[in-house]
Amino acid sequence: MSHYIEAIFEGLKEHDLILALLFLSIYWVLKRFSKTAITRLAYTKSVSETRSAFILRCVNMSSGVILFATFLIVSGIGYGNFAIFISSVFTVIGVGFIAQWSILSNVTASFLIFFVFPYRIGDYIVVADGDGIEGTLLEIKIFHTLIRHPNDNIITYPNTLLLQKCVTKVQTKNTGAGYGISSESCSRVKRARRSVKRIDVAPGNEPDGKEIIFY
C-alpha cells in the first residue's frame, strides 16, 4: 500500500501538491458555506432535517467532483479519461431536464423546488391542474410532493408537474360567518369535529336522559 502512495507522490510535482492543498481549502470553504446556506433555507421553508441533509450531501458531492475535475485538468493528470467521464455525466443530467416524465427529471425538479419554489411547508396551495389538486403542503420529497386535501386525503404529486403547473398560495379561506381564518386552522377544526361525535353528560345532569350530540 505504501508503495502505491509513494508512486503517486513521485508522479506529482511540487506545484501540483500546492495546487492540491489549494483545492482542498476551497472545498472546505464551499462545504462550510453550503451547510450554512442550506440549513438557513431549510429553516425558512420548514423543510425536514432528512431532506436538507440529503440536499447538502448532493451539493457537497457535486462541488467535490467539479473541484477534483478542475484539479485534474489544471495539473494535466488523467485529463483525457476524466474529461470523457465528466461529459457523460453532464449528458445524463441534460437528459433528465429534457425527459419530463423520467425519474431523473423528478429528482432534478426536487432540487429546483427546494431552492426556487416560493412556498414553504404548511402553506395552502392550489394547483391549476383541473383535477382539484389543492390542500396543505406537507412535505417535498425526492420524487414527489405530499399535499393534504381538505377532505384529509393525501395527494402524491410529481415534482415535475408541480414546476410546470401554475401554483397559487391561498392566504386565508373565508368561513360562513365571514371571518378570515387560515385554511390550516379550518382543517384542524374539521378533523376535531369529526373525531368527537358525541359526549355523555355527567350522571344526574342529563337533560331528560338524553345525550348531547355534536354535529
N, C-alpha and C. Protein backbone atom coordinates (compact mmCIF):
# COMPACT_ATOMS: atom_id res chain seq x y z
N MET A 1 0.83 -1.20 0.00
CA MET A 1 0.00 0.00 0.00
C MET A 1 0.87 1.25 0.00
N SER A 2 1.90 1.24 0.83
CA SER A 2 2.80 2.40 0.90
C SER A 2 3.52 2.61 -0.42
N HIS A 3 3.78 1.50 -1.14
CA HIS A 3 4.47 1.61 -2.43
C HIS A 3 3.63 2.41 -3.43
N TYR A 4 2.32 2.16 -3.43
CA TYR A 4 1.44 2.87 -4.35
C TYR A 4 1.34 4.35 -3.97
N ILE A 5 1.29 4.62 -2.68
CA ILE A 5 1.22 6.02 -2.23
C ILE A 5 2.48 6.77 -2.62
N GLU A 6 3.65 6.12 -2.45
CA GLU A 6 4.90 6.76 -2.84
C GLU A 6 4.95 7.00 -4.35
N ALA A 7 4.43 6.07 -5.11
CA ALA A 7 4.42 6.24 -6.57
C ALA A 7 3.56 7.43 -6.98
N ILE A 8 2.44 7.61 -6.28
CA ILE A 8 1.56 8.74 -6.60
C ILE A 8 2.25 10.06 -6.30
N PHE A 9 2.90 10.14 -5.15
CA PHE A 9 3.57 11.38 -4.78
C PHE A 9 4.78 11.65 -5.67
N GLU A 10 5.44 10.61 -6.15
CA GLU A 10 6.55 10.82 -7.07
C GLU A 10 6.07 11.36 -8.41
N GLY A 11 4.87 10.98 -8.80
CA GLY A 11 4.33 11.46 -10.07
C GLY A 11 3.86 12.90 -10.01
N LEU A 12 3.63 13.37 -8.82
CA LEU A 12 3.18 14.75 -8.66
C LEU A 12 4.37 15.68 -8.47
N LYS A 13 4.29 16.81 -9.12
CA LYS A 13 5.33 17.81 -8.95
C LYS A 13 5.03 18.66 -7.72
N GLU A 14 5.99 19.48 -7.37
CA GLU A 14 5.82 20.29 -6.16
C GLU A 14 4.66 21.25 -6.31
N HIS A 15 4.52 21.89 -7.47
CA HIS A 15 3.42 22.84 -7.65
C HIS A 15 2.08 22.12 -7.68
N ASP A 16 2.07 20.84 -8.07
CA ASP A 16 0.82 20.07 -8.05
C ASP A 16 0.35 19.83 -6.62
N LEU A 17 1.29 19.58 -5.72
CA LEU A 17 0.93 19.39 -4.31
C LEU A 17 0.36 20.67 -3.71
N ILE A 18 0.98 21.79 -4.05
CA ILE A 18 0.46 23.08 -3.57
C ILE A 18 -0.93 23.33 -4.15
N LEU A 19 -1.10 22.99 -5.42
CA LEU A 19 -2.39 23.16 -6.07
C LEU A 19 -3.45 22.27 -5.42
N ALA A 20 -3.06 21.05 -5.05
CA ALA A 20 -3.99 20.14 -4.39
C ALA A 20 -4.44 20.69 -3.04
N LEU A 21 -3.50 21.24 -2.28
CA LEU A 21 -3.84 21.86 -1.00
C LEU A 21 -4.77 23.05 -1.19
N LEU A 22 -4.54 23.80 -2.26
CA LEU A 22 -5.40 24.95 -2.54
C LEU A 22 -6.83 24.50 -2.84
N PHE A 23 -6.96 23.45 -3.64
CA PHE A 23 -8.29 22.96 -3.98
C PHE A 23 -8.99 22.34 -2.77
N LEU A 24 -8.23 21.69 -1.90
CA LEU A 24 -8.82 21.15 -0.67
C LEU A 24 -9.34 22.28 0.22
N SER A 25 -8.59 23.38 0.28
CA SER A 25 -9.03 24.53 1.07
C SER A 25 -10.30 25.13 0.49
N ILE A 26 -10.35 25.23 -0.84
CA ILE A 26 -11.55 25.76 -1.49
C ILE A 26 -12.75 24.86 -1.21
N TYR A 27 -12.54 23.56 -1.27
CA TYR A 27 -13.63 22.61 -1.00
C TYR A 27 -14.12 22.75 0.44
N TRP A 28 -13.21 22.93 1.38
CA TRP A 28 -13.60 23.09 2.79
C TRP A 28 -14.44 24.35 2.98
N VAL A 29 -14.03 25.45 2.32
CA VAL A 29 -14.78 26.70 2.43
C VAL A 29 -16.17 26.55 1.81
N LEU A 30 -16.23 25.93 0.63
CA LEU A 30 -17.52 25.71 -0.03
C LEU A 30 -18.43 24.82 0.81
N LYS A 31 -17.85 23.82 1.45
CA LYS A 31 -18.64 22.92 2.28
C LYS A 31 -19.25 23.65 3.46
N ARG A 32 -18.46 24.50 4.12
CA ARG A 32 -18.98 25.27 5.25
C ARG A 32 -20.06 26.25 4.79
N PHE A 33 -19.81 26.92 3.66
CA PHE A 33 -20.78 27.88 3.15
C PHE A 33 -22.08 27.19 2.75
N SER A 34 -21.97 26.03 2.09
CA SER A 34 -23.17 25.29 1.66
C SER A 34 -23.99 24.84 2.86
N LYS A 35 -23.32 24.38 3.91
CA LYS A 35 -24.04 23.92 5.09
C LYS A 35 -24.83 25.06 5.73
N THR A 36 -24.19 26.24 5.83
CA THR A 36 -24.87 27.38 6.43
C THR A 36 -26.06 27.84 5.58
N ALA A 37 -25.84 27.95 4.27
CA ALA A 37 -26.89 28.44 3.38
C ALA A 37 -28.06 27.48 3.30
N ILE A 38 -27.78 26.18 3.15
CA ILE A 38 -28.86 25.20 3.01
C ILE A 38 -29.63 25.04 4.32
N THR A 39 -28.93 25.07 5.45
CA THR A 39 -29.61 24.98 6.75
C THR A 39 -30.54 26.16 6.96
N ARG A 40 -30.08 27.35 6.59
CA ARG A 40 -30.91 28.55 6.74
C ARG A 40 -32.12 28.49 5.81
N LEU A 41 -31.91 28.05 4.58
CA LEU A 41 -33.02 27.95 3.63
C LEU A 41 -34.02 26.89 4.06
N ALA A 42 -33.52 25.77 4.59
CA ALA A 42 -34.41 24.71 5.06
C ALA A 42 -35.24 25.18 6.25
N TYR A 43 -34.65 25.98 7.13
CA TYR A 43 -35.39 26.52 8.27
C TYR A 43 -36.47 27.49 7.80
N THR A 44 -36.15 28.31 6.79
CA THR A 44 -37.11 29.27 6.27
C THR A 44 -38.31 28.58 5.64
N LYS A 45 -38.07 27.47 4.94
CA LYS A 45 -39.14 26.76 4.25
C LYS A 45 -39.72 25.61 5.08
N SER A 46 -39.27 25.47 6.33
CA SER A 46 -39.76 24.41 7.23
C SER A 46 -39.56 23.03 6.64
N VAL A 47 -38.42 22.81 6.00
CA VAL A 47 -38.10 21.51 5.40
C VAL A 47 -37.53 20.60 6.48
N SER A 48 -37.82 19.31 6.39
CA SER A 48 -37.35 18.35 7.38
C SER A 48 -35.82 18.24 7.35
N GLU A 49 -35.25 17.79 8.46
CA GLU A 49 -33.80 17.65 8.55
C GLU A 49 -33.27 16.58 7.58
N THR A 50 -34.05 15.52 7.40
CA THR A 50 -33.63 14.47 6.47
C THR A 50 -33.52 15.01 5.05
N ARG A 51 -34.49 15.80 4.67
CA ARG A 51 -34.49 16.38 3.32
C ARG A 51 -33.32 17.34 3.13
N SER A 52 -33.09 18.24 4.10
CA SER A 52 -31.99 19.19 3.99
C SER A 52 -30.64 18.49 4.02
N ALA A 53 -30.52 17.41 4.80
CA ALA A 53 -29.26 16.65 4.84
C ALA A 53 -28.98 15.99 3.50
N PHE A 54 -30.01 15.49 2.83
CA PHE A 54 -29.83 14.88 1.51
C PHE A 54 -29.37 15.93 0.49
N ILE A 55 -30.00 17.10 0.51
CA ILE A 55 -29.60 18.18 -0.40
C ILE A 55 -28.16 18.59 -0.13
N LEU A 56 -27.79 18.68 1.15
CA LEU A 56 -26.43 19.08 1.50
C LEU A 56 -25.41 18.06 1.01
N ARG A 57 -25.71 16.77 1.16
CA ARG A 57 -24.79 15.74 0.67
C ARG A 57 -24.62 15.81 -0.84
N CYS A 58 -25.71 16.03 -1.54
CA CYS A 58 -25.63 16.11 -3.01
C CYS A 58 -24.82 17.33 -3.45
N VAL A 59 -25.03 18.46 -2.76
CA VAL A 59 -24.27 19.67 -3.11
C VAL A 59 -22.79 19.48 -2.83
N ASN A 60 -22.46 18.89 -1.69
CA ASN A 60 -21.06 18.65 -1.36
C ASN A 60 -20.41 17.68 -2.34
N MET A 61 -21.15 16.65 -2.72
CA MET A 61 -20.62 15.69 -3.68
C MET A 61 -20.39 16.33 -5.05
N SER A 62 -21.34 17.16 -5.47
CA SER A 62 -21.21 17.82 -6.77
C SER A 62 -20.03 18.78 -6.78
N SER A 63 -19.91 19.58 -5.72
CA SER A 63 -18.79 20.52 -5.66
C SER A 63 -17.46 19.79 -5.58
N GLY A 64 -17.42 18.66 -4.87
CA GLY A 64 -16.18 17.88 -4.80
C GLY A 64 -15.78 17.31 -6.14
N VAL A 65 -16.76 16.79 -6.91
CA VAL A 65 -16.46 16.24 -8.24
C VAL A 65 -15.97 17.34 -9.18
N ILE A 66 -16.63 18.50 -9.13
CA ILE A 66 -16.23 19.61 -10.01
C ILE A 66 -14.83 20.09 -9.68
N LEU A 67 -14.54 20.25 -8.39
CA LEU A 67 -13.20 20.70 -8.00
C LEU A 67 -12.14 19.67 -8.35
N PHE A 68 -12.45 18.40 -8.16
CA PHE A 68 -11.49 17.35 -8.50
C PHE A 68 -11.23 17.31 -10.00
N ALA A 69 -12.28 17.48 -10.79
CA ALA A 69 -12.11 17.51 -12.25
C ALA A 69 -11.27 18.71 -12.67
N THR A 70 -11.53 19.86 -12.03
CA THR A 70 -10.75 21.06 -12.34
C THR A 70 -9.28 20.87 -11.98
N PHE A 71 -9.04 20.21 -10.86
CA PHE A 71 -7.65 19.94 -10.45
C PHE A 71 -6.94 19.05 -11.46
N LEU A 72 -7.63 18.01 -11.93
CA LEU A 72 -7.02 17.12 -12.92
C LEU A 72 -6.74 17.84 -14.23
N ILE A 73 -7.65 18.74 -14.62
CA ILE A 73 -7.45 19.47 -15.87
C ILE A 73 -6.27 20.44 -15.75
N VAL A 74 -6.20 21.15 -14.61
CA VAL A 74 -5.13 22.13 -14.43
C VAL A 74 -3.77 21.44 -14.30
N SER A 75 -3.73 20.34 -13.55
CA SER A 75 -2.45 19.65 -13.33
C SER A 75 -2.08 18.75 -14.50
N GLY A 76 -3.06 18.40 -15.36
CA GLY A 76 -2.77 17.55 -16.50
C GLY A 76 -2.71 16.07 -16.19
N ILE A 77 -3.25 15.65 -15.05
CA ILE A 77 -3.21 14.24 -14.65
C ILE A 77 -4.49 13.55 -15.14
N GLY A 78 -4.36 12.60 -16.03
CA GLY A 78 -5.53 11.83 -16.49
C GLY A 78 -6.61 12.69 -17.08
N TYR A 79 -6.23 13.70 -17.85
CA TYR A 79 -7.22 14.65 -18.37
C TYR A 79 -8.18 13.99 -19.35
N GLY A 80 -7.65 13.18 -20.26
CA GLY A 80 -8.47 12.60 -21.32
C GLY A 80 -9.59 11.73 -20.79
N ASN A 81 -9.26 10.76 -19.95
CA ASN A 81 -10.28 9.83 -19.44
C ASN A 81 -11.31 10.54 -18.56
N PHE A 82 -10.83 11.45 -17.73
CA PHE A 82 -11.75 12.13 -16.83
C PHE A 82 -12.65 13.09 -17.59
N ALA A 83 -12.13 13.69 -18.65
CA ALA A 83 -12.97 14.59 -19.45
C ALA A 83 -14.12 13.83 -20.09
N ILE A 84 -13.85 12.60 -20.54
CA ILE A 84 -14.92 11.77 -21.11
C ILE A 84 -15.96 11.45 -20.04
N PHE A 85 -15.49 11.15 -18.83
CA PHE A 85 -16.42 10.82 -17.74
C PHE A 85 -17.30 12.02 -17.40
N ILE A 86 -16.71 13.20 -17.29
CA ILE A 86 -17.48 14.40 -16.94
C ILE A 86 -18.50 14.72 -18.03
N SER A 87 -18.09 14.61 -19.29
CA SER A 87 -19.02 14.88 -20.38
C SER A 87 -20.20 13.91 -20.36
N SER A 88 -19.94 12.66 -19.99
CA SER A 88 -21.01 11.67 -19.89
C SER A 88 -21.98 12.02 -18.77
N VAL A 89 -21.44 12.49 -17.64
CA VAL A 89 -22.29 12.87 -16.51
C VAL A 89 -23.21 14.02 -16.89
N PHE A 90 -22.66 15.04 -17.53
CA PHE A 90 -23.48 16.19 -17.92
C PHE A 90 -24.49 15.81 -19.00
N THR A 91 -24.17 14.83 -19.82
CA THR A 91 -25.13 14.34 -20.80
C THR A 91 -26.33 13.70 -20.12
N VAL A 92 -26.06 12.90 -19.09
CA VAL A 92 -27.15 12.26 -18.34
C VAL A 92 -28.01 13.31 -17.65
N ILE A 93 -27.37 14.33 -17.07
CA ILE A 93 -28.13 15.40 -16.42
C ILE A 93 -28.99 16.14 -17.43
N GLY A 94 -28.44 16.38 -18.62
CA GLY A 94 -29.22 17.04 -19.67
C GLY A 94 -30.42 16.23 -20.09
N VAL A 95 -30.27 14.92 -20.16
CA VAL A 95 -31.40 14.06 -20.49
C VAL A 95 -32.48 14.17 -19.42
N GLY A 96 -32.05 14.33 -18.16
CA GLY A 96 -33.02 14.48 -17.08
C GLY A 96 -33.87 15.73 -17.23
N PHE A 97 -33.28 16.81 -17.75
CA PHE A 97 -34.05 18.03 -17.98
C PHE A 97 -35.01 17.87 -19.16
N ILE A 98 -34.58 17.16 -20.20
CA ILE A 98 -35.39 17.03 -21.41
C ILE A 98 -36.51 16.01 -21.21
N ALA A 99 -36.18 14.87 -20.63
CA ALA A 99 -37.19 13.81 -20.43
C ALA A 99 -38.07 14.17 -19.25
N GLN A 100 -39.20 14.78 -19.50
CA GLN A 100 -40.04 15.33 -18.44
C GLN A 100 -40.66 14.25 -17.57
N TRP A 101 -40.85 13.04 -18.10
CA TRP A 101 -41.55 12.03 -17.34
C TRP A 101 -40.60 11.00 -16.74
N SER A 102 -39.33 11.22 -16.85
CA SER A 102 -38.37 10.25 -16.33
C SER A 102 -38.18 10.44 -14.84
N ILE A 103 -37.62 9.43 -14.19
CA ILE A 103 -37.34 9.51 -12.76
C ILE A 103 -36.29 10.57 -12.48
N LEU A 104 -35.29 10.66 -13.35
CA LEU A 104 -34.23 11.63 -13.15
C LEU A 104 -34.75 13.06 -13.20
N SER A 105 -35.75 13.31 -14.02
CA SER A 105 -36.32 14.66 -14.10
C SER A 105 -37.03 15.02 -12.80
N ASN A 106 -37.64 14.05 -12.13
CA ASN A 106 -38.27 14.32 -10.84
C ASN A 106 -37.23 14.67 -9.78
N VAL A 107 -36.08 13.99 -9.82
CA VAL A 107 -35.00 14.31 -8.88
C VAL A 107 -34.48 15.71 -9.14
N THR A 108 -34.28 16.05 -10.41
CA THR A 108 -33.82 17.39 -10.76
C THR A 108 -34.84 18.44 -10.33
N ALA A 109 -36.13 18.16 -10.56
CA ALA A 109 -37.17 19.09 -10.14
C ALA A 109 -37.21 19.24 -8.63
N SER A 110 -36.86 18.19 -7.91
CA SER A 110 -36.82 18.26 -6.45
C SER A 110 -35.81 19.30 -5.98
N PHE A 111 -34.64 19.33 -6.62
CA PHE A 111 -33.63 20.33 -6.26
C PHE A 111 -34.12 21.74 -6.60
N LEU A 112 -34.74 21.89 -7.77
CA LEU A 112 -35.23 23.21 -8.16
C LEU A 112 -36.32 23.69 -7.22
N ILE A 113 -37.21 22.79 -6.80
CA ILE A 113 -38.26 23.17 -5.87
C ILE A 113 -37.67 23.61 -4.53
N PHE A 114 -36.62 22.91 -4.09
CA PHE A 114 -36.01 23.25 -2.80
C PHE A 114 -35.42 24.66 -2.84
N PHE A 115 -34.77 25.03 -3.95
CA PHE A 115 -34.06 26.30 -3.99
C PHE A 115 -34.92 27.47 -4.49
N VAL A 116 -35.86 27.23 -5.41
CA VAL A 116 -36.57 28.35 -6.04
C VAL A 116 -38.07 28.34 -5.80
N PHE A 117 -38.63 27.25 -5.26
CA PHE A 117 -40.08 27.20 -5.03
C PHE A 117 -40.44 28.20 -3.94
N PRO A 118 -41.36 29.16 -4.21
CA PRO A 118 -41.60 30.27 -3.27
C PRO A 118 -42.51 29.92 -2.09
N TYR A 119 -42.84 28.65 -1.89
CA TYR A 119 -43.75 28.28 -0.82
C TYR A 119 -43.02 27.41 0.21
N ARG A 120 -43.60 27.31 1.38
CA ARG A 120 -42.99 26.56 2.46
C ARG A 120 -43.96 25.50 2.97
N ILE A 121 -43.44 24.59 3.77
CA ILE A 121 -44.27 23.54 4.35
C ILE A 121 -45.34 24.16 5.24
N GLY A 122 -46.59 23.73 5.07
CA GLY A 122 -47.69 24.27 5.85
C GLY A 122 -48.56 25.25 5.09
N ASP A 123 -48.09 25.73 3.92
CA ASP A 123 -48.88 26.65 3.12
C ASP A 123 -50.02 25.90 2.41
N TYR A 124 -51.12 26.60 2.21
CA TYR A 124 -52.25 26.03 1.46
C TYR A 124 -52.10 26.46 0.01
N ILE A 125 -51.97 25.48 -0.89
CA ILE A 125 -51.74 25.77 -2.30
C ILE A 125 -52.84 25.16 -3.16
N VAL A 126 -53.04 25.77 -4.32
CA VAL A 126 -53.99 25.27 -5.32
C VAL A 126 -53.23 25.12 -6.63
N VAL A 127 -53.20 23.89 -7.16
CA VAL A 127 -52.51 23.61 -8.41
C VAL A 127 -53.52 23.66 -9.55
N ALA A 128 -53.21 24.47 -10.57
CA ALA A 128 -54.11 24.62 -11.72
C ALA A 128 -54.00 23.40 -12.63
N ASP A 129 -54.52 22.28 -12.15
CA ASP A 129 -54.42 21.02 -12.89
C ASP A 129 -55.77 20.56 -13.42
N GLY A 130 -56.86 21.16 -12.93
CA GLY A 130 -58.18 20.76 -13.37
C GLY A 130 -58.74 19.55 -12.66
N ASP A 131 -57.97 18.96 -11.74
CA ASP A 131 -58.42 17.75 -11.03
C ASP A 131 -58.63 18.01 -9.55
N GLY A 132 -58.76 19.27 -9.15
CA GLY A 132 -58.98 19.59 -7.75
C GLY A 132 -57.77 19.34 -6.88
N ILE A 133 -56.56 19.60 -7.41
CA ILE A 133 -55.34 19.42 -6.63
C ILE A 133 -55.13 20.65 -5.77
N GLU A 134 -55.48 20.55 -4.51
CA GLU A 134 -55.29 21.65 -3.57
C GLU A 134 -55.20 21.08 -2.16
N GLY A 135 -54.63 21.87 -1.27
CA GLY A 135 -54.51 21.44 0.11
C GLY A 135 -53.27 22.01 0.77
N THR A 136 -52.96 21.48 1.93
CA THR A 136 -51.82 21.94 2.71
C THR A 136 -50.56 21.19 2.29
N LEU A 137 -49.50 21.93 2.03
CA LEU A 137 -48.23 21.34 1.62
C LEU A 137 -47.59 20.65 2.82
N LEU A 138 -47.46 19.32 2.74
CA LEU A 138 -46.93 18.54 3.86
C LEU A 138 -45.42 18.36 3.78
N GLU A 139 -44.94 17.86 2.65
CA GLU A 139 -43.50 17.57 2.52
C GLU A 139 -43.13 17.48 1.05
N ILE A 140 -41.89 17.92 0.76
CA ILE A 140 -41.34 17.83 -0.59
C ILE A 140 -40.28 16.75 -0.58
N LYS A 141 -40.56 15.63 -1.22
CA LYS A 141 -39.63 14.51 -1.25
C LYS A 141 -38.81 14.53 -2.53
N ILE A 142 -38.01 13.47 -2.74
CA ILE A 142 -37.11 13.44 -3.89
C ILE A 142 -37.89 13.35 -5.19
N PHE A 143 -38.92 12.50 -5.24
CA PHE A 143 -39.64 12.27 -6.48
C PHE A 143 -41.01 12.93 -6.52
N HIS A 144 -41.60 13.24 -5.38
CA HIS A 144 -42.95 13.77 -5.38
C HIS A 144 -43.15 14.70 -4.18
N THR A 145 -44.28 15.38 -4.19
CA THR A 145 -44.67 16.30 -3.12
C THR A 145 -45.97 15.80 -2.50
N LEU A 146 -46.04 15.85 -1.18
CA LEU A 146 -47.24 15.40 -0.46
C LEU A 146 -48.12 16.60 -0.12
N ILE A 147 -49.41 16.50 -0.48
CA ILE A 147 -50.38 17.56 -0.24
C ILE A 147 -51.58 16.96 0.48
N ARG A 148 -51.98 17.58 1.59
CA ARG A 148 -53.17 17.12 2.32
C ARG A 148 -54.39 17.88 1.80
N HIS A 149 -55.31 17.14 1.19
CA HIS A 149 -56.55 17.73 0.66
C HIS A 149 -57.47 18.11 1.82
N PRO A 150 -58.38 19.09 1.64
CA PRO A 150 -59.32 19.44 2.71
C PRO A 150 -60.15 18.28 3.23
N ASN A 151 -60.35 17.22 2.41
CA ASN A 151 -61.09 16.05 2.89
C ASN A 151 -60.19 15.04 3.59
N ASP A 152 -58.97 15.46 3.94
CA ASP A 152 -57.98 14.65 4.69
C ASP A 152 -57.28 13.59 3.85
N ASN A 153 -57.55 13.53 2.57
CA ASN A 153 -56.80 12.62 1.70
C ASN A 153 -55.41 13.18 1.42
N ILE A 154 -54.43 12.29 1.30
CA ILE A 154 -53.06 12.69 1.00
C ILE A 154 -52.82 12.53 -0.50
N ILE A 155 -52.45 13.62 -1.16
CA ILE A 155 -52.20 13.61 -2.60
C ILE A 155 -50.69 13.52 -2.83
N THR A 156 -50.28 12.57 -3.66
CA THR A 156 -48.88 12.45 -4.07
C THR A 156 -48.75 13.04 -5.47
N TYR A 157 -48.06 14.17 -5.57
CA TYR A 157 -47.98 14.90 -6.83
C TYR A 157 -46.54 14.93 -7.32
N PRO A 158 -46.29 14.54 -8.59
CA PRO A 158 -44.91 14.52 -9.11
C PRO A 158 -44.28 15.91 -9.11
N ASN A 159 -43.00 15.96 -8.82
CA ASN A 159 -42.30 17.24 -8.74
C ASN A 159 -42.24 17.96 -10.08
N THR A 160 -42.08 17.21 -11.18
CA THR A 160 -42.02 17.85 -12.49
C THR A 160 -43.32 18.57 -12.82
N LEU A 161 -44.45 17.96 -12.49
CA LEU A 161 -45.74 18.61 -12.75
C LEU A 161 -45.92 19.83 -11.88
N LEU A 162 -45.39 19.79 -10.66
CA LEU A 162 -45.52 20.94 -9.77
C LEU A 162 -44.77 22.15 -10.31
N LEU A 163 -43.66 21.90 -11.02
CA LEU A 163 -42.92 23.00 -11.64
C LEU A 163 -43.60 23.51 -12.90
N GLN A 164 -44.29 22.63 -13.61
CA GLN A 164 -44.89 23.01 -14.88
C GLN A 164 -46.23 23.71 -14.72
N LYS A 165 -46.95 23.40 -13.65
CA LYS A 165 -48.29 23.96 -13.46
C LYS A 165 -48.23 25.29 -12.71
N CYS A 166 -49.32 26.04 -12.87
CA CYS A 166 -49.47 27.28 -12.11
C CYS A 166 -49.94 26.93 -10.69
N VAL A 167 -49.19 27.40 -9.69
CA VAL A 167 -49.49 27.09 -8.29
C VAL A 167 -49.86 28.39 -7.57
N THR A 168 -51.01 28.40 -6.90
CA THR A 168 -51.48 29.58 -6.18
C THR A 168 -51.43 29.32 -4.69
N LYS A 169 -50.88 30.27 -3.95
CA LYS A 169 -50.85 30.18 -2.49
C LYS A 169 -52.06 30.91 -1.93
N VAL A 170 -52.89 30.20 -1.17
CA VAL A 170 -54.09 30.77 -0.59
C VAL A 170 -53.75 31.29 0.80
N GLN A 171 -53.91 32.60 1.00
CA GLN A 171 -53.56 33.20 2.28
C GLN A 171 -54.60 32.88 3.35
N THR A 172 -55.88 33.16 3.08
CA THR A 172 -56.96 32.89 4.03
C THR A 172 -58.12 32.27 3.28
N LYS A 173 -58.96 31.60 4.04
CA LYS A 173 -60.14 30.95 3.47
C LYS A 173 -61.36 31.42 4.26
N ASN A 174 -62.32 32.05 3.59
CA ASN A 174 -63.48 32.61 4.27
C ASN A 174 -64.43 31.53 4.75
N THR A 175 -64.94 31.69 5.96
CA THR A 175 -65.93 30.77 6.52
C THR A 175 -67.32 31.36 6.32
N GLY A 176 -68.35 30.59 6.73
CA GLY A 176 -69.72 31.07 6.56
C GLY A 176 -70.01 32.30 7.40
N ALA A 177 -69.29 32.47 8.51
CA ALA A 177 -69.52 33.63 9.36
C ALA A 177 -68.87 34.88 8.80
N GLY A 178 -68.04 34.72 7.77
CA GLY A 178 -67.44 35.89 7.15
C GLY A 178 -66.11 36.27 7.75
N TYR A 179 -65.52 35.44 8.56
CA TYR A 179 -64.24 35.74 9.16
C TYR A 179 -63.14 35.09 8.34
N GLY A 180 -61.99 35.77 8.23
CA GLY A 180 -60.85 35.20 7.52
C GLY A 180 -60.04 34.31 8.44
N ILE A 181 -60.05 33.03 8.18
CA ILE A 181 -59.32 32.07 9.00
C ILE A 181 -58.40 31.27 8.10
N SER A 182 -57.21 31.01 8.59
CA SER A 182 -56.28 30.25 7.77
C SER A 182 -56.85 28.88 7.44
N SER A 183 -56.52 28.39 6.26
CA SER A 183 -57.05 27.10 5.81
C SER A 183 -56.58 25.96 6.70
N GLU A 184 -55.37 26.07 7.23
CA GLU A 184 -54.87 25.01 8.11
C GLU A 184 -55.69 24.95 9.39
N SER A 185 -56.08 26.12 9.93
CA SER A 185 -56.91 26.13 11.13
C SER A 185 -58.28 25.52 10.85
N CYS A 186 -58.82 25.81 9.67
CA CYS A 186 -60.11 25.22 9.29
C CYS A 186 -60.02 23.70 9.23
N SER A 187 -58.93 23.21 8.65
CA SER A 187 -58.77 21.76 8.54
C SER A 187 -58.67 21.11 9.91
N ARG A 188 -57.95 21.76 10.83
CA ARG A 188 -57.82 21.20 12.18
C ARG A 188 -59.17 21.16 12.89
N VAL A 189 -59.96 22.21 12.73
CA VAL A 189 -61.28 22.25 13.37
C VAL A 189 -62.18 21.16 12.81
N LYS A 190 -62.12 20.96 11.48
CA LYS A 190 -62.95 19.93 10.86
C LYS A 190 -62.57 18.54 11.35
N ARG A 191 -61.25 18.29 11.45
CA ARG A 191 -60.81 16.98 11.92
C ARG A 191 -61.22 16.75 13.37
N ALA A 192 -61.16 17.82 14.19
CA ALA A 192 -61.54 17.68 15.59
C ALA A 192 -63.04 17.41 15.73
N ARG A 193 -63.83 18.08 14.91
CA ARG A 193 -65.29 17.89 14.99
C ARG A 193 -65.69 16.50 14.51
N ARG A 194 -64.95 15.97 13.53
CA ARG A 194 -65.27 14.62 13.06
C ARG A 194 -64.86 13.56 14.06
N SER A 195 -63.78 13.85 14.81
CA SER A 195 -63.31 12.85 15.78
C SER A 195 -64.18 12.81 17.03
N VAL A 196 -64.82 13.93 17.37
CA VAL A 196 -65.69 13.99 18.55
C VAL A 196 -67.14 13.96 18.05
N LYS A 197 -67.78 12.81 18.13
CA LYS A 197 -69.13 12.64 17.62
C LYS A 197 -70.19 12.90 18.69
N ARG A 198 -69.89 12.47 19.91
CA ARG A 198 -70.88 12.66 20.96
C ARG A 198 -70.18 12.67 22.31
N ILE A 199 -70.84 13.24 23.27
CA ILE A 199 -70.30 13.32 24.63
C ILE A 199 -71.43 13.05 25.61
N ASP A 200 -71.13 12.30 26.63
CA ASP A 200 -72.15 11.99 27.64
C ASP A 200 -72.08 13.02 28.76
N VAL A 201 -73.25 13.38 29.24
CA VAL A 201 -73.32 14.31 30.36
C VAL A 201 -73.11 13.55 31.66
N ALA A 202 -72.54 14.21 32.67
CA ALA A 202 -72.27 13.57 33.95
C ALA A 202 -73.57 13.06 34.57
N PRO A 203 -73.51 11.94 35.34
CA PRO A 203 -74.72 11.37 35.96
C PRO A 203 -75.43 12.39 36.83
N GLY A 204 -76.75 12.44 36.68
CA GLY A 204 -77.55 13.37 37.46
C GLY A 204 -77.81 14.68 36.76
N ASN A 205 -77.05 14.97 35.68
CA ASN A 205 -77.22 16.23 34.96
C ASN A 205 -77.77 16.03 33.56
N GLU A 206 -78.27 14.79 33.27
CA GLU A 206 -78.75 14.53 31.92
C GLU A 206 -80.03 15.30 31.67
N PRO A 207 -80.09 16.03 30.53
CA PRO A 207 -81.35 16.71 30.18
C PRO A 207 -82.34 15.70 29.61
N ASP A 208 -83.29 15.27 30.47
CA ASP A 208 -84.32 14.29 30.09
C ASP A 208 -83.72 12.96 29.68
N GLY A 209 -82.58 12.61 30.26
CA GLY A 209 -81.97 11.32 29.99
C GLY A 209 -81.41 11.17 28.60
N LYS A 210 -81.24 12.27 27.87
CA LYS A 210 -80.73 12.21 26.51
C LYS A 210 -79.24 12.58 26.49
N GLU A 211 -78.66 12.34 25.35
CA GLU A 211 -77.26 12.68 25.16
C GLU A 211 -77.15 14.00 24.40
N ILE A 212 -76.06 14.67 24.63
CA ILE A 212 -75.77 15.88 23.85
C ILE A 212 -75.01 15.44 22.61
N ILE A 213 -75.54 15.74 21.46
CA ILE A 213 -74.94 15.31 20.20
C ILE A 213 -74.30 16.51 19.52
N PHE A 214 -73.05 16.33 19.08
CA PHE A 214 -72.34 17.37 18.32
C PHE A 214 -72.43 17.04 16.83
N TYR A 215 -72.83 18.01 16.04
CA TYR A 215 -72.95 17.82 14.60
C TYR A 215 -71.89 18.66 13.89
